[in-house]
């Protein structure tokens, strides 16, 4: 599991581990996808979740009661042939990740590759 270089993010991850180990595992797998595709990604805590950026913010992970929301800053510009992305905002779209199998089923990697 990747340890964050950002101290507040690492503290957040440790807190999640103590509260909900399944959500922690999902968060770590999602972070690993982001860093494997974009190794130069920076992460920081913002809006109560983990924001990803290189030059600009491109997405973030937010824990909700029953899922983890993977928010994409420019989600409306993404190719989504299976209509998996959710949301009706002007720019953002998100994926609700409820389990480890959702990571593959909801094509997280496909969308992360389009996020920049």
PDB file of N, CA and C in Angstrom:
ATOM      1  N   UNK A   1       0.836  -1.186   0.000  1.00  0.00           N
ATOM      2  CA  UNK A   1       0.000   0.000   0.000  1.00  0.00           C
ATOM      3  C   UNK A   1       0.878   1.245   0.000  1.00  0.00           C
ATOM      4  N   UNK A   2       0.532   2.164  -0.839  1.00  0.00           N
ATOM      5  CA  UNK A   2       1.325   3.378  -0.989  1.00  0.00           C
ATOM      6  C   UNK A   2       1.090   4.340   0.176  1.00  0.00           C
ATOM      7  N   UNK A   3       2.186   4.748   0.796  1.00  0.00           N
ATOM      8  CA  UNK A   3       2.114   5.753   1.845  1.00  0.00           C
ATOM      9  C   UNK A   3       2.152   7.128   1.183  1.00  0.00           C
ATOM     10  N   UNK A   4       1.347   8.039   1.672  1.00  0.00           N
ATOM     11  CA  UNK A   4       1.302   9.381   1.091  1.00  0.00           C
ATOM     12  C   UNK A   4       2.485  10.223   1.547  1.00  0.00           C
ATOM     13  N   UNK A   5       2.998  11.049   0.645  1.00  0.00           N
ATOM     14  CA  UNK A   5       4.047  12.015   0.999  1.00  0.00           C
ATOM     15  C   UNK A   5       3.437  13.193   1.751  1.00  0.00           C
ATOM     16  N   UNK A   6       2.123  13.375   1.599  1.00  0.00           N
ATOM     17  CA  UNK A   6       1.411  14.474   2.241  1.00  0.00           C
ATOM     18  C   UNK A   6       0.944  14.018   3.628  1.00  0.00           C
ATOM     19  N   UNK A   7       1.433  14.676   4.656  1.00  0.00           N
ATOM     20  CA  UNK A   7       1.146  14.245   6.027  1.00  0.00           C
ATOM     21  C   UNK A   7      -0.349  14.228   6.359  1.00  0.00           C
ATOM     22  N   UNK A   8      -1.117  15.274   6.023  1.00  0.00           N
ATOM     23  CA  UNK A   8      -2.561  15.209   6.298  1.00  0.00           C
ATOM     24  C   UNK A   8      -3.264  14.059   5.557  1.00  0.00           C
ATOM     25  N   UNK A   9      -2.852  13.762   4.331  1.00  0.00           N
ATOM     26  CA  UNK A   9      -3.443  12.635   3.599  1.00  0.00           C
ATOM     27  C   UNK A   9      -3.103  11.333   4.308  1.00  0.00           C
ATOM     28  N   UNK A  10      -1.858  11.161   4.716  1.00  0.00           N
ATOM     29  CA  UNK A  10      -1.454   9.934   5.404  1.00  0.00           C
ATOM     30  C   UNK A  10      -2.225   9.775   6.708  1.00  0.00           C
ATOM     31  N   UNK A  11      -2.408  10.846   7.434  1.00  0.00           N
ATOM     32  CA  UNK A  11      -3.171  10.805   8.683  1.00  0.00           C
ATOM     33  C   UNK A  11      -4.628  10.405   8.407  1.00  0.00           C
ATOM     34  N   UNK A  12      -5.208  10.954   7.341  1.00  0.00           N
ATOM     35  CA  UNK A  12      -6.569  10.609   6.932  1.00  0.00           C
ATOM     36  C   UNK A  12      -6.672   9.116   6.613  1.00  0.00           C
ATOM     37  N   UNK A  13      -5.703   8.603   5.844  1.00  0.00           N
ATOM     38  CA  UNK A  13      -5.707   7.181   5.488  1.00  0.00           C
ATOM     39  C   UNK A  13      -5.622   6.294   6.729  1.00  0.00           C
ATOM     40  N   UNK A  14      -4.794   6.693   7.684  1.00  0.00           N
ATOM     41  CA  UNK A  14      -4.662   5.921   8.925  1.00  0.00           C
ATOM     42  C   UNK A  14      -5.960   5.955   9.729  1.00  0.00           C
ATOM     43  N   UNK A  15      -6.630   7.110   9.747  1.00  0.00           N
ATOM     44  CA  UNK A  15      -7.916   7.211  10.443  1.00  0.00           C
ATOM     45  C   UNK A  15      -8.958   6.307   9.791  1.00  0.00           C
ATOM     46  N   UNK A  16      -9.002   6.300   8.465  1.00  0.00           N
ATOM     47  CA  UNK A  16      -9.956   5.450   7.744  1.00  0.00           C
ATOM     48  C   UNK A  16      -9.689   3.985   8.051  1.00  0.00           C
ATOM     49  N   UNK A  17      -8.418   3.596   8.105  1.00  0.00           N
ATOM     50  CA  UNK A  17      -8.054   2.212   8.403  1.00  0.00           C
ATOM     51  C   UNK A  17      -8.629   1.780   9.754  1.00  0.00           C
ATOM     52  N   UNK A  18      -8.569   2.657  10.747  1.00  0.00           N
ATOM     53  CA  UNK A  18      -9.078   2.321  12.076  1.00  0.00           C
ATOM     54  C   UNK A  18     -10.604   2.219  12.098  1.00  0.00           C
ATOM     55  N   UNK A  19     -11.266   2.987  11.255  1.00  0.00           N
ATOM     56  CA  UNK A  19     -12.732   3.048  11.272  1.00  0.00           C
ATOM     57  C   UNK A  19     -13.369   2.015  10.343  1.00  0.00           C
ATOM     58  N   UNK A  20     -12.792   1.842   9.141  1.00  0.00           N
ATOM     59  CA  UNK A  20     -13.425   0.972   8.135  1.00  0.00           C
ATOM     60  C   UNK A  20     -12.345   0.397   7.219  1.00  0.00           C
ATOM     61  N   UNK A  21     -11.884  -0.807   7.529  1.00  0.00           N
ATOM     62  CA  UNK A  21     -10.767  -1.393   6.779  1.00  0.00           C
ATOM     63  C   UNK A  21     -11.129  -1.650   5.308  1.00  0.00           C
ATOM     64  N   UNK A  22     -12.393  -1.950   5.017  1.00  0.00           N
ATOM     65  CA  UNK A  22     -12.782  -2.180   3.620  1.00  0.00           C
ATOM     66  C   UNK A  22     -12.690  -0.885   2.804  1.00  0.00           C
ATOM     67  N   UNK A  23     -13.166   0.208   3.371  1.00  0.00           N
ATOM     68  CA  UNK A  23     -13.060   1.492   2.656  1.00  0.00           C
ATOM     69  C   UNK A  23     -11.585   1.887   2.492  1.00  0.00           C
ATOM     70  N   UNK A  24     -10.774   1.572   3.499  1.00  0.00           N
ATOM     71  CA  UNK A  24      -9.343   1.866   3.409  1.00  0.00           C
ATOM     72  C   UNK A  24      -8.721   1.095   2.248  1.00  0.00           C
ATOM     73  N   UNK A  25      -9.061  -0.182   2.123  1.00  0.00           N
ATOM     74  CA  UNK A  25      -8.514  -0.988   1.027  1.00  0.00           C
ATOM     75  C   UNK A  25      -8.957  -0.448  -0.338  1.00  0.00           C
ATOM     76  N   UNK A  26     -10.209  -0.041  -0.439  1.00  0.00           N
ATOM     77  CA  UNK A  26     -10.717   0.544  -1.690  1.00  0.00           C
ATOM     78  C   UNK A  26      -9.962   1.844  -1.995  1.00  0.00           C
ATOM     79  N   UNK A  27      -9.828   2.708  -0.987  1.00  0.00           N
ATOM     80  CA  UNK A  27      -9.091   3.972  -1.175  1.00  0.00           C
ATOM     81  C   UNK A  27      -7.680   3.714  -1.683  1.00  0.00           C
ATOM     82  N   UNK A  28      -6.987   2.758  -1.067  1.00  0.00           N
ATOM     83  CA  UNK A  28      -5.614   2.470  -1.463  1.00  0.00           C
ATOM     84  C   UNK A  28      -5.546   1.940  -2.892  1.00  0.00           C
ATOM     85  N   UNK A  29      -6.477   1.091  -3.273  1.00  0.00           N
ATOM     86  CA  UNK A  29      -6.479   0.576  -4.647  1.00  0.00           C
ATOM     87  C   UNK A  29      -6.747   1.705  -5.644  1.00  0.00           C
ATOM     88  N   UNK A  30      -7.661   2.597  -5.308  1.00  0.00           N
ATOM     89  CA  UNK A  30      -7.951   3.731  -6.193  1.00  0.00           C
ATOM     90  C   UNK A  30      -6.739   4.656  -6.301  1.00  0.00           C
ATOM     91  N   UNK A  31      -6.082   4.931  -5.184  1.00  0.00           N
ATOM     92  CA  UNK A  31      -4.872   5.752  -5.210  1.00  0.00           C
ATOM     93  C   UNK A  31      -3.789   5.094  -6.047  1.00  0.00           C
ATOM     94  N   UNK A  32      -3.637   3.781  -5.899  1.00  0.00           N
ATOM     95  CA  UNK A  32      -2.623   3.065  -6.676  1.00  0.00           C
ATOM     96  C   UNK A  32      -2.881   3.178  -8.174  1.00  0.00           C
ATOM     97  N   UNK A  33      -4.140   3.140  -8.585  1.00  0.00           N
ATOM     98  CA  UNK A  33      -4.475   3.322 -10.007  1.00  0.00           C
ATOM     99  C   UNK A  33      -4.027   4.701 -10.474  1.00  0.00           C
ATOM    100  N   UNK A  34      -4.372   5.721  -9.697  1.00  0.00           N
ATOM    101  CA  UNK A  34      -3.992   7.095 -10.069  1.00  0.00           C
ATOM    102  C   UNK A  34      -2.476   7.216 -10.205  1.00  0.00           C
ATOM    103  N   UNK A  35      -1.729   6.736  -9.202  1.00  0.00           N
ATOM    104  CA  UNK A  35      -0.273   6.894  -9.223  1.00  0.00           C
ATOM    105  C   UNK A  35       0.400   5.999 -10.259  1.00  0.00           C
ATOM    106  N   UNK A  36      -0.217   4.884 -10.610  1.00  0.00           N
ATOM    107  CA  UNK A  36       0.386   4.044 -11.657  1.00  0.00           C
ATOM    108  C   UNK A  36       0.219   4.683 -13.036  1.00  0.00           C
ATOM    109  N   UNK A  37      -0.870   5.412 -13.239  1.00  0.00           N
ATOM    110  CA  UNK A  37      -1.106   6.076 -14.525  1.00  0.00           C
ATOM    111  C   UNK A  37      -0.391   7.427 -14.573  1.00  0.00           C
ATOM    112  N   UNK A  38      -0.432   8.159 -13.483  1.00  0.00           N
ATOM    113  CA  UNK A  38       0.190   9.491 -13.402  1.00  0.00           C
ATOM    114  C   UNK A  38       1.129   9.543 -12.201  1.00  0.00           C
ATOM    115  N   UNK A  39       2.357   9.023 -12.340  1.00  0.00           N
ATOM    116  CA  UNK A  39       3.290   8.953 -11.204  1.00  0.00           C
ATOM    117  C   UNK A  39       3.624  10.311 -10.574  1.00  0.00           C
ATOM    118  N   UNK A  40       3.489  11.392 -11.336  1.00  0.00           N
ATOM    119  CA  UNK A  40       3.852  12.711 -10.802  1.00  0.00           C
ATOM    120  C   UNK A  40       2.680  13.404 -10.093  1.00  0.00           C
ATOM    121  N   UNK A  41       1.624  12.655  -9.829  1.00  0.00           N
ATOM    122  CA  UNK A  41       0.455  13.212  -9.163  1.00  0.00           C
ATOM    123  C   UNK A  41       0.790  13.697  -7.758  1.00  0.00           C
ATOM    124  N   UNK A  42       0.220  14.842  -7.414  1.00  0.00           N
ATOM    125  CA  UNK A  42       0.270  15.347  -6.044  1.00  0.00           C
ATOM    126  C   UNK A  42      -1.095  15.087  -5.425  1.00  0.00           C
ATOM    127  N   UNK A  43      -1.118  14.853  -4.127  1.00  0.00           N
ATOM    128  CA  UNK A  43      -2.391  14.689  -3.439  1.00  0.00           C
ATOM    129  C   UNK A  43      -2.378  15.558  -2.193  1.00  0.00           C
ATOM    130  N   UNK A  44      -3.567  16.029  -1.839  1.00  0.00           N
ATOM    131  CA  UNK A  44      -3.714  16.856  -0.643  1.00  0.00           C
ATOM    132  C   UNK A  44      -5.144  16.731  -0.137  1.00  0.00           C
ATOM    133  N   UNK A  45      -5.346  17.052   1.109  1.00  0.00           N
ATOM    134  CA  UNK A  45      -6.684  17.035   1.685  1.00  0.00           C
ATOM    135  C   UNK A  45      -7.399  18.328   1.297  1.00  0.00           C
ATOM    136  N   UNK A  46      -8.634  18.179   0.817  1.00  0.00           N
ATOM    137  CA  UNK A  46      -9.454  19.347   0.470  1.00  0.00           C
ATOM    138  C   UNK A  46     -10.910  18.900   0.443  1.00  0.00           C
ATOM    139  N   UNK A  47     -11.782  19.736   0.930  1.00  0.00           N
ATOM    140  CA  UNK A  47     -13.223  19.434   0.956  1.00  0.00           C
ATOM    141  C   UNK A  47     -13.510  18.124   1.693  1.00  0.00           C
ATOM    142  N   UNK A  48     -12.663  17.743   2.631  1.00  0.00           N
ATOM    143  CA  UNK A  48     -12.879  16.528   3.402  1.00  0.00           C
ATOM    144  C   UNK A  48     -12.457  15.243   2.700  1.00  0.00           C
ATOM    145  N   UNK A  49     -11.768  15.369   1.569  1.00  0.00           N
ATOM    146  CA  UNK A  49     -11.326  14.195   0.825  1.00  0.00           C
ATOM    147  C   UNK A  49      -9.932  14.398   0.267  1.00  0.00           C
ATOM    148  N   UNK A  50      -9.497  13.460  -0.548  1.00  0.00           N
ATOM    149  CA  UNK A  50      -8.162  13.511  -1.147  1.00  0.00           C
ATOM    150  C   UNK A  50      -8.287  14.060  -2.562  1.00  0.00           C
ATOM    151  N   UNK A  51      -7.645  15.193  -2.817  1.00  0.00           N
ATOM    152  CA  UNK A  51      -7.650  15.794  -4.153  1.00  0.00           C
ATOM    153  C   UNK A  51      -6.358  15.425  -4.875  1.00  0.00           C
ATOM    154  N   UNK A  52      -6.483  15.113  -6.166  1.00  0.00           N
ATOM    155  CA  UNK A  52      -5.336  14.794  -7.012  1.00  0.00           C
ATOM    156  C   UNK A  52      -5.089  15.935  -7.980  1.00  0.00           C
ATOM    157  N   UNK A  53      -3.803  16.249  -8.186  1.00  0.00           N
ATOM    158  CA  UNK A  53      -3.457  17.294  -9.154  1.00  0.00           C
ATOM    159  C   UNK A  53      -2.084  17.007  -9.744  1.00  0.00           C
ATOM    160  N   UNK A  54      -1.866  17.561 -10.913  1.00  0.00           N
ATOM    161  CA  UNK A  54      -0.522  17.622 -11.475  1.00  0.00           C
ATOM    162  C   UNK A  54      -0.248  19.105 -11.642  1.00  0.00           C
ATOM    163  N   UNK A  55      -0.834  19.749 -12.631  1.00  0.00           N
ATOM    164  CA  UNK A  55      -0.779  21.211 -12.673  1.00  0.00           C
ATOM    165  C   UNK A  55      -2.071  21.769 -12.093  1.00  0.00           C
ATOM    166  N   UNK A  56      -3.182  21.153 -12.463  1.00  0.00           N
ATOM    167  CA  UNK A  56      -4.498  21.526 -11.937  1.00  0.00           C
ATOM    168  C   UNK A  56      -5.128  20.296 -11.297  1.00  0.00           C
ATOM    169  N   UNK A  57      -6.151  20.534 -10.494  1.00  0.00           N
ATOM    170  CA  UNK A  57      -6.895  19.410  -9.913  1.00  0.00           C
ATOM    171  C   UNK A  57      -7.564  18.632 -11.035  1.00  0.00           C
ATOM    172  N   UNK A  58      -7.501  17.305 -10.944  1.00  0.00           N
ATOM    173  CA  UNK A  58      -8.191  16.498 -11.955  1.00  0.00           C
ATOM    174  C   UNK A  58      -9.152  15.491 -11.344  1.00  0.00           C
ATOM    175  N   UNK A  59      -9.137  15.329 -10.041  1.00  0.00           N
ATOM    176  CA  UNK A  59     -10.071  14.402  -9.423  1.00  0.00           C
ATOM    177  C   UNK A  59      -9.865  14.316  -7.936  1.00  0.00           C
ATOM    178  N   UNK A  60     -10.745  13.532  -7.301  1.00  0.00           N
ATOM    179  CA  UNK A  60     -10.627  13.368  -5.867  1.00  0.00           C
ATOM    180  C   UNK A  60     -11.437  12.196  -5.357  1.00  0.00           C
ATOM    181  N   UNK A  61     -11.072  11.747  -4.167  1.00  0.00           N
ATOM    182  CA  UNK A  61     -11.745  10.631  -3.506  1.00  0.00           C
ATOM    183  C   UNK A  61     -12.398  11.140  -2.228  1.00  0.00           C
ATOM    184  N   UNK A  62     -13.673  10.821  -2.086  1.00  0.00           N
ATOM    185  CA  UNK A  62     -14.436  11.294  -0.939  1.00  0.00           C
ATOM    186  C   UNK A  62     -15.218  10.136  -0.332  1.00  0.00           C
ATOM    187  N   UNK A  63     -15.078   9.952   0.971  1.00  0.00           N
ATOM    188  CA  UNK A  63     -15.774   8.864   1.653  1.00  0.00           C
ATOM    189  C   UNK A  63     -17.176   9.317   2.012  1.00  0.00           C
ATOM    190  N   UNK A  64     -18.131   8.513   1.628  1.00  0.00           N
ATOM    191  CA  UNK A  64     -19.531   8.733   1.983  1.00  0.00           C
ATOM    192  C   UNK A  64     -19.960   7.577   2.885  1.00  0.00           C
ATOM    193  N   UNK A  65     -21.169   7.638   3.392  1.00  0.00           N
ATOM    194  CA  UNK A  65     -21.635   6.611   4.330  1.00  0.00           C
ATOM    195  C   UNK A  65     -21.597   5.211   3.723  1.00  0.00           C
ATOM    196  N   UNK A  66     -22.075   5.055   2.479  1.00  0.00           N
ATOM    197  CA  UNK A  66     -22.184   3.723   1.881  1.00  0.00           C
ATOM    198  C   UNK A  66     -21.277   3.501   0.679  1.00  0.00           C
ATOM    199  N   UNK A  67     -20.431   4.468   0.345  1.00  0.00           N
ATOM    200  CA  UNK A  67     -19.552   4.318  -0.814  1.00  0.00           C
ATOM    201  C   UNK A  67     -18.401   5.312  -0.757  1.00  0.00           C
ATOM    202  N   UNK A  68     -17.487   5.161  -1.696  1.00  0.00           N
ATOM    203  CA  UNK A  68     -16.441   6.155  -1.930  1.00  0.00           C
ATOM    204  C   UNK A  68     -16.753   6.792  -3.274  1.00  0.00           C
ATOM    205  N   UNK A  69     -16.768   8.089  -3.298  1.00  0.00           N
ATOM    206  CA  UNK A  69     -17.043   8.807  -4.531  1.00  0.00           C
ATOM    207  C   UNK A  69     -15.723   9.208  -5.176  1.00  0.00           C
ATOM    208  N   UNK A  70     -15.526   8.789  -6.418  1.00  0.00           N
ATOM    209  CA  UNK A  70     -14.352   9.218  -7.187  1.00  0.00           C
ATOM    210  C   UNK A  70     -14.855  10.315  -8.114  1.00  0.00           C
ATOM    211  N   UNK A  71     -14.496  11.553  -7.788  1.00  0.00           N
ATOM    212  CA  UNK A  71     -14.959  12.732  -8.521  1.00  0.00           C
ATOM    213  C   UNK A  71     -13.947  13.095  -9.606  1.00  0.00           C
ATOM    214  N   UNK A  72     -14.452  13.399 -10.783  1.00  0.00           N
ATOM    215  CA  UNK A  72     -13.601  13.827 -11.892  1.00  0.00           C
ATOM    216  C   UNK A  72     -13.933  15.271 -12.237  1.00  0.00           C
ATOM    217  N   UNK A  73     -12.937  16.140 -12.146  1.00  0.00           N
ATOM    218  CA  UNK A  73     -13.140  17.575 -12.336  1.00  0.00           C
ATOM    219  C   UNK A  73     -13.730  17.921 -13.698  1.00  0.00           C
ATOM    220  N   UNK A  74     -13.308  17.217 -14.732  1.00  0.00           N
ATOM    221  CA  UNK A  74     -13.805  17.482 -16.094  1.00  0.00           C
ATOM    222  C   UNK A  74     -14.572  16.275 -16.623  1.00  0.00           C
ATOM    223  N   UNK A  75     -15.381  15.704 -15.784  1.00  0.00           N
ATOM    224  CA  UNK A  75     -16.102  14.486 -16.126  1.00  0.00           C
ATOM    225  C   UNK A  75     -17.022  14.605 -17.329  1.00  0.00           C
ATOM    226  N   UNK A  76     -17.546  15.812 -17.569  1.00  0.00           N
ATOM    227  CA  UNK A  76     -18.456  15.984 -18.707  1.00  0.00           C
ATOM    228  C   UNK A  76     -17.741  15.826 -20.043  1.00  0.00           C
ATOM    229  N   UNK A  77     -16.425  15.959 -20.054  1.00  0.00           N
ATOM    230  CA  UNK A  77     -15.644  15.832 -21.293  1.00  0.00           C
ATOM    231  C   UNK A  77     -15.197  14.396 -21.563  1.00  0.00           C
ATOM    232  N   UNK A  78     -15.473  13.492 -20.627  1.00  0.00           N
ATOM    233  CA  UNK A  78     -14.986  12.119 -20.748  1.00  0.00           C
ATOM    234  C   UNK A  78     -15.860  11.281 -21.672  1.00  0.00           C
ATOM    235  N   UNK A  79     -15.198  10.363 -22.347  1.00  0.00           N
ATOM    236  CA  UNK A  79     -15.887   9.352 -23.141  1.00  0.00           C
ATOM    237  C   UNK A  79     -16.505   8.360 -22.162  1.00  0.00           C
ATOM    238  N   UNK A  80     -17.817   8.164 -22.236  1.00  0.00           N
ATOM    239  CA  UNK A  80     -18.525   7.277 -21.310  1.00  0.00           C
ATOM    240  C   UNK A  80     -19.589   6.487 -22.087  1.00  0.00           C
ATOM    241  N   UNK A  81     -19.143   5.568 -22.959  1.00  0.00           N
ATOM    242  CA  UNK A  81     -20.085   4.867 -23.835  1.00  0.00           C
ATOM    243  C   UNK A  81     -21.117   4.014 -23.098  1.00  0.00           C
ATOM    244  N   UNK A  82     -20.810   3.581 -21.864  1.00  0.00           N
ATOM    245  CA  UNK A  82     -21.739   2.740 -21.114  1.00  0.00           C
ATOM    246  C   UNK A  82     -22.540   3.527 -20.070  1.00  0.00           C
ATOM    247  N   UNK A  83     -22.412   4.849 -20.090  1.00  0.00           N
ATOM    248  CA  UNK A  83     -23.137   5.719 -19.144  1.00  0.00           C
ATOM    249  C   UNK A  83     -22.941   5.290 -17.685  1.00  0.00           C
ATOM    250  N   UNK A  84     -21.679   5.123 -17.318  1.00  0.00           N
ATOM    251  CA  UNK A  84     -21.338   4.695 -15.958  1.00  0.00           C
ATOM    252  C   UNK A  84     -21.205   5.899 -15.024  1.00  0.00           C
ATOM    253  N   UNK A  85     -20.681   7.011 -15.555  1.00  0.00           N
ATOM    254  CA  UNK A  85     -20.485   8.198 -14.726  1.00  0.00           C
ATOM    255  C   UNK A  85     -21.823   8.746 -14.254  1.00  0.00           C
ATOM    256  N   UNK A  86     -21.823   9.273 -13.038  1.00  0.00           N
ATOM    257  CA  UNK A  86     -23.029   9.861 -12.464  1.00  0.00           C
ATOM    258  C   UNK A  86     -22.815  11.346 -12.249  1.00  0.00           C
ATOM    259  N   UNK A  87     -23.914  12.073 -12.124  1.00  0.00           N
ATOM    260  CA  UNK A  87     -23.866  13.501 -11.834  1.00  0.00           C
ATOM    261  C   UNK A  87     -24.497  14.325 -12.929  1.00  0.00           C
ATOM    262  N   UNK A  88     -24.945  15.522 -12.544  1.00  0.00           N
ATOM    263  CA  UNK A  88     -25.621  16.411 -13.495  1.00  0.00           C
ATOM    264  C   UNK A  88     -25.026  17.813 -13.495  1.00  0.00           C
ATOM    265  N   UNK A  89     -23.894  17.986 -12.810  1.00  0.00           N
ATOM    266  CA  UNK A  89     -23.275  19.306 -12.725  1.00  0.00           C
ATOM    267  C   UNK A  89     -22.728  19.779 -14.060  1.00  0.00           C
ATOM    268  N   UNK A  90     -22.295  21.018 -14.089  1.00  0.00           N
ATOM    269  CA  UNK A  90     -21.804  21.632 -15.323  1.00  0.00           C
ATOM    270  C   UNK A  90     -20.500  20.998 -15.810  1.00  0.00           C
ATOM    271  N   UNK A  91     -19.628  20.542 -14.891  1.00  0.00           N
ATOM    272  CA  UNK A  91     -18.326  20.003 -15.282  1.00  0.00           C
ATOM    273  C   UNK A  91     -18.036  18.618 -14.698  1.00  0.00           C
ATOM    274  N   UNK A  92     -18.325  18.427 -13.435  1.00  0.00           N
ATOM    275  CA  UNK A  92     -17.923  17.208 -12.722  1.00  0.00           C
ATOM    276  C   UNK A  92     -18.841  16.028 -12.992  1.00  0.00           C
ATOM    277  N   UNK A  93     -18.221  14.859 -12.871  1.00  0.00           N
ATOM    278  CA  UNK A  93     -18.955  13.588 -12.863  1.00  0.00           C
ATOM    279  C   UNK A  93     -18.263  12.701 -11.840  1.00  0.00           C
ATOM    280  N   UNK A  94     -18.954  11.668 -11.380  1.00  0.00           N
ATOM    281  CA  UNK A  94     -18.366  10.806 -10.351  1.00  0.00           C
ATOM    282  C   UNK A  94     -18.782   9.359 -10.540  1.00  0.00           C
ATOM    283  N   UNK A  95     -17.991   8.507  -9.882  1.00  0.00           N
ATOM    284  CA  UNK A  95     -18.287   7.082  -9.782  1.00  0.00           C
ATOM    285  C   UNK A  95     -18.517   6.769  -8.314  1.00  0.00           C
ATOM    286  N   UNK A  96     -19.568   6.021  -8.017  1.00  0.00           N
ATOM    287  CA  UNK A  96     -19.795   5.555  -6.653  1.00  0.00           C
ATOM    288  C   UNK A  96     -19.199   4.162  -6.540  1.00  0.00           C
ATOM    289  N   UNK A  97     -18.152   4.052  -5.743  1.00  0.00           N
ATOM    290  CA  UNK A  97     -17.455   2.775  -5.553  1.00  0.00           C
ATOM    291  C   UNK A  97     -17.890   2.194  -4.208  1.00  0.00           C
ATOM    292  N   UNK A  98     -18.650   1.098  -4.272  1.00  0.00           N
ATOM    293  CA  UNK A  98     -19.190   0.481  -3.059  1.00  0.00           C
ATOM    294  C   UNK A  98     -18.417  -0.767  -2.629  1.00  0.00           C
ATOM    295  N   UNK A  99     -17.593  -1.302  -3.540  1.00  0.00           N
ATOM    296  CA  UNK A  99     -16.863  -2.544  -3.239  1.00  0.00           C
ATOM    297  C   UNK A  99     -15.613  -2.600  -4.115  1.00  0.00           C
ATOM    298  N   UNK A 100     -14.733  -3.543  -3.787  1.00  0.00           N
ATOM    299  CA  UNK A 100     -13.525  -3.728  -4.605  1.00  0.00           C
ATOM    300  C   UNK A 100     -13.884  -4.125  -6.031  1.00  0.00           C
ATOM    301  N   UNK A 101     -14.947  -4.906  -6.208  1.00  0.00           N
ATOM    302  CA  UNK A 101     -15.328  -5.318  -7.569  1.00  0.00           C
ATOM    303  C   UNK A 101     -15.824  -4.145  -8.403  1.00  0.00           C
ATOM    304  N   UNK A 102     -16.359  -3.107  -7.760  1.00  0.00           N
ATOM    305  CA  UNK A 102     -16.791  -1.907  -8.496  1.00  0.00           C
ATOM    306  C   UNK A 102     -15.619  -1.232  -9.210  1.00  0.00           C
ATOM    307  N   UNK A 103     -14.420  -1.374  -8.675  1.00  0.00           N
ATOM    308  CA  UNK A 103     -13.256  -0.721  -9.284  1.00  0.00           C
ATOM    309  C   UNK A 103     -13.093  -1.198 -10.720  1.00  0.00           C
ATOM    310  N   UNK A 104     -13.246  -2.497 -10.938  1.00  0.00           N
ATOM    311  CA  UNK A 104     -13.160  -3.036 -12.301  1.00  0.00           C
ATOM    312  C   UNK A 104     -14.474  -2.842 -13.051  1.00  0.00           C
ATOM    313  N   UNK A 105     -15.579  -3.166 -12.399  1.00  0.00           N
ATOM    314  CA  UNK A 105     -16.889  -3.107 -13.052  1.00  0.00           C
ATOM    315  C   UNK A 105     -17.249  -1.702 -13.540  1.00  0.00           C
ATOM    316  N   UNK A 106     -16.814  -0.694 -12.799  1.00  0.00           N
ATOM    317  CA  UNK A 106     -17.122   0.692 -13.183  1.00  0.00           C
ATOM    318  C   UNK A 106     -15.983   1.351 -13.962  1.00  0.00           C
ATOM    319  N   UNK A 107     -15.023   0.532 -14.382  1.00  0.00           N
ATOM    320  CA  UNK A 107     -13.951   0.959 -15.284  1.00  0.00           C
ATOM    321  C   UNK A 107     -13.171   2.179 -14.779  1.00  0.00           C
ATOM    322  N   UNK A 108     -12.795   2.132 -13.518  1.00  0.00           N
ATOM    323  CA  UNK A 108     -12.077   3.256 -12.910  1.00  0.00           C
ATOM    324  C   UNK A 108     -10.839   3.624 -13.724  1.00  0.00           C
ATOM    325  N   UNK A 109     -10.050   2.630 -14.104  1.00  0.00           N
ATOM    326  CA  UNK A 109      -8.812   2.905 -14.844  1.00  0.00           C
ATOM    327  C   UNK A 109      -9.094   3.635 -16.162  1.00  0.00           C
ATOM    328  N   UNK A 110     -10.135   3.213 -16.859  1.00  0.00           N
ATOM    329  CA  UNK A 110     -10.554   3.834 -18.127  1.00  0.00           C
ATOM    330  C   UNK A 110     -10.818   5.330 -17.924  1.00  0.00           C
ATOM    331  N   UNK A 111     -11.493   5.681 -16.824  1.00  0.00           N
ATOM    332  CA  UNK A 111     -11.814   7.093 -16.568  1.00  0.00           C
ATOM    333  C   UNK A 111     -10.614   7.877 -16.043  1.00  0.00           C
ATOM    334  N   UNK A 112      -9.788   7.239 -15.205  1.00  0.00           N
ATOM    335  CA  UNK A 112      -8.586   7.937 -14.706  1.00  0.00           C
ATOM    336  C   UNK A 112      -7.684   8.312 -15.889  1.00  0.00           C
ATOM    337  N   UNK A 113      -7.554   7.425 -16.861  1.00  0.00           N
ATOM    338  CA  UNK A 113      -6.715   7.711 -18.031  1.00  0.00           C
ATOM    339  C   UNK A 113      -7.224   8.918 -18.818  1.00  0.00           C
ATOM    340  N   UNK A 114      -8.487   9.238 -18.699  1.00  0.00           N
ATOM    341  CA  UNK A 114      -9.065  10.385 -19.410  1.00  0.00           C
ATOM    342  C   UNK A 114      -9.092  11.658 -18.561  1.00  0.00           C
ATOM    343  N   UNK A 115      -8.674  11.558 -17.302  1.00  0.00           N
ATOM    344  CA  UNK A 115      -8.902  12.659 -16.367  1.00  0.00           C
ATOM    345  C   UNK A 115      -7.976  13.855 -16.549  1.00  0.00           C
ATOM    346  N   UNK A 116      -6.932  13.704 -17.346  1.00  0.00           N
ATOM    347  CA  UNK A 116      -6.048  14.849 -17.618  1.00  0.00           C
ATOM    348  C   UNK A 116      -6.166  15.281 -19.062  1.00  0.00           C
TER     349      UNK A 116
END
